[in-house]
Amino acid sequence: MDVGHRMWAIPEGYIPGKSFQSEREFVSHETACILNAGGAPANVTIEVLFEDREPVGPYRVVVGAKRTLHLRFNDLRDPEPVPRDTPYACVIRSDVPIVVQHTRLDSRDPHISLLSTIAFPIT
């Protein structure tokens, strides 16, 4: 049974440029948690859109069959890094159904803030 959709949107993105510590687990970040519950690998593309400039992408990742990938937007480099302290949105497409959850860790202050939500599925 296929679980999910082939297109998802995350309308609210923002990677804080500062963190109260430099260890990876405490660095402010955004993550797309991608679940591929199906029997074939998911070829995923991500297009990042901005308020005042042209979109960037596609970023490309593969999520194995019956696997999950916790993809930090901070780690995306090709075609260019996702800018910090800049509002953005993204559209995620896959050649097989997937489920996408969006999470942000804001560690500008030692009282860490975490938010998580399911991305918007586009049918």
Protein backbone atom coordinates (compact mmCIF):
# COMPACT_ATOMS: atom_id res chain seq x y z
CA MET A 1 0.00 0.00 0.00
CA ASP A 2 1.32 3.44 -0.94
CA VAL A 3 1.54 5.93 1.91
CA GLY A 4 1.68 9.66 1.24
CA HIS A 5 1.74 11.95 -1.76
CA ARG A 6 4.16 12.84 -4.54
CA MET A 7 4.15 16.60 -3.89
CA TRP A 8 4.39 18.53 -0.63
CA ALA A 9 4.70 22.21 0.31
CA ILE A 10 6.30 23.81 3.34
CA PRO A 11 5.14 27.44 3.19
CA GLU A 12 7.09 28.70 6.23
CA GLY A 13 10.84 28.26 6.32
CA TYR A 14 13.50 30.16 8.26
CA ILE A 15 16.93 29.04 9.47
CA PRO A 16 18.12 31.28 12.32
CA GLY A 17 21.67 32.45 11.70
CA LYS A 18 22.73 32.19 15.34
CA SER A 19 22.87 29.40 17.91
CA PHE A 20 23.80 29.53 21.56
CA GLN A 21 26.24 26.62 21.08
CA SER A 22 28.20 25.27 18.12
CA GLU A 23 27.70 21.51 18.68
CA ARG A 24 25.66 20.05 15.80
CA GLU A 25 22.76 18.98 18.02
CA PHE A 26 22.35 22.58 19.28
CA VAL A 27 22.78 24.45 15.98
CA SER A 28 19.59 26.16 14.79
CA HIS A 29 18.22 24.24 11.82
CA GLU A 30 15.25 23.21 9.71
CA THR A 31 14.61 19.61 8.81
CA ALA A 32 12.38 17.81 6.33
CA CYS A 33 11.69 14.37 7.76
CA ILE A 34 10.86 12.26 4.71
CA LEU A 35 9.22 8.84 5.08
CA ASN A 36 9.26 6.39 2.17
CA ALA A 37 7.12 3.47 3.32
CA GLY A 38 6.96 1.98 -0.17
CA GLY A 39 8.95 -0.76 -1.84
CA ALA A 40 10.95 1.41 -4.29
CA PRO A 41 13.49 4.19 -3.68
CA ALA A 42 12.09 7.75 -3.74
CA ASN A 43 13.88 10.23 -5.99
CA VAL A 44 13.13 13.53 -4.30
CA THR A 45 13.65 17.09 -5.52
CA ILE A 46 13.33 20.26 -3.45
CA GLU A 47 12.77 23.73 -4.86
CA VAL A 48 13.28 26.66 -2.45
CA LEU A 49 11.29 29.85 -3.05
CA PHE A 50 11.91 33.32 -1.60
CA GLU A 51 10.05 36.60 -1.12
CA ASP A 52 12.40 38.74 -3.18
CA ARG A 53 14.54 36.59 -5.47
CA GLU A 54 14.31 33.72 -7.92
CA PRO A 55 13.82 30.13 -6.64
CA VAL A 56 16.78 27.83 -6.09
CA GLY A 57 16.89 24.16 -6.96
CA PRO A 58 16.38 21.49 -7.55
CA TYR A 59 18.19 19.93 -4.62
CA ARG A 60 18.17 16.14 -5.10
CA VAL A 61 18.10 13.33 -2.53
CA VAL A 62 17.17 9.65 -2.60
CA VAL A 63 15.24 8.02 0.22
CA GLY A 64 15.57 4.25 0.17
CA ALA A 65 12.60 1.91 0.10
CA LYS A 66 11.03 1.49 3.55
CA ARG A 67 13.39 4.15 4.93
CA THR A 68 13.31 7.62 6.41
CA LEU A 69 15.61 10.59 5.90
CA HIS A 70 15.96 13.51 8.29
CA LEU A 71 17.30 16.12 5.88
CA ARG A 72 18.65 19.33 7.38
CA PHE A 73 18.14 22.27 5.07
CA ASN A 74 21.36 23.65 6.64
CA ASP A 75 23.23 20.79 4.92
CA LEU A 76 21.93 21.48 1.40
CA ARG A 77 24.78 22.80 -0.76
CA ASP A 78 24.06 22.01 -4.41
CA PRO A 79 23.10 24.15 -6.28
CA GLU A 80 23.78 26.59 -3.37
CA PRO A 81 23.40 26.72 0.44
CA VAL A 82 20.00 27.71 1.80
CA PRO A 83 20.55 31.20 3.29
CA ARG A 84 20.26 31.86 7.03
CA ASP A 85 18.04 34.61 8.48
CA THR A 86 15.98 34.59 5.26
CA PRO A 87 12.30 33.62 4.98
CA TYR A 88 11.67 30.90 2.41
CA ALA A 89 9.22 28.19 1.38
CA CYS A 90 9.73 24.98 -0.51
CA VAL A 91 8.02 22.47 -2.75
CA ILE A 92 9.10 18.84 -2.41
CA ARG A 93 8.40 16.38 -5.24
CA SER A 94 8.94 12.64 -5.41
CA ASP A 95 8.50 9.98 -8.06
CA VAL A 96 6.78 7.73 -5.48
CA PRO A 97 4.44 8.61 -2.58
CA ILE A 98 6.20 9.93 0.54
CA VAL A 99 5.22 11.67 3.78
CA VAL A 100 6.98 14.91 4.80
CA GLN A 101 7.19 16.45 8.26
CA HIS A 102 8.78 19.86 8.85
CA THR A 103 10.76 20.64 12.02
CA ARG A 104 12.63 23.75 13.18
CA LEU A 105 15.08 23.98 16.06
CA ASP A 106 15.64 27.61 17.07
CA SER A 107 18.57 27.74 19.48
CA ARG A 108 19.36 31.45 19.37
CA ASP A 109 18.53 31.41 23.08
CA PRO A 110 19.53 28.66 25.57
CA HIS A 111 15.79 28.10 26.12
CA ILE A 112 15.55 26.13 22.89
CA SER A 113 12.39 26.37 20.81
CA LEU A 114 11.21 23.44 18.68
CA LEU A 115 8.31 23.35 16.25
CA SER A 116 7.13 20.51 14.08
CA THR A 117 4.25 20.06 11.67
CA ILE A 118 3.23 17.87 8.76
CA ALA A 119 3.91 19.57 5.43
CA PHE A 120 0.94 20.35 3.19
CA PRO A 121 0.24 17.46 0.80
CA ILE A 122 -0.62 18.42 -2.77
CA THR A 123 -2.70 15.88 -4.62
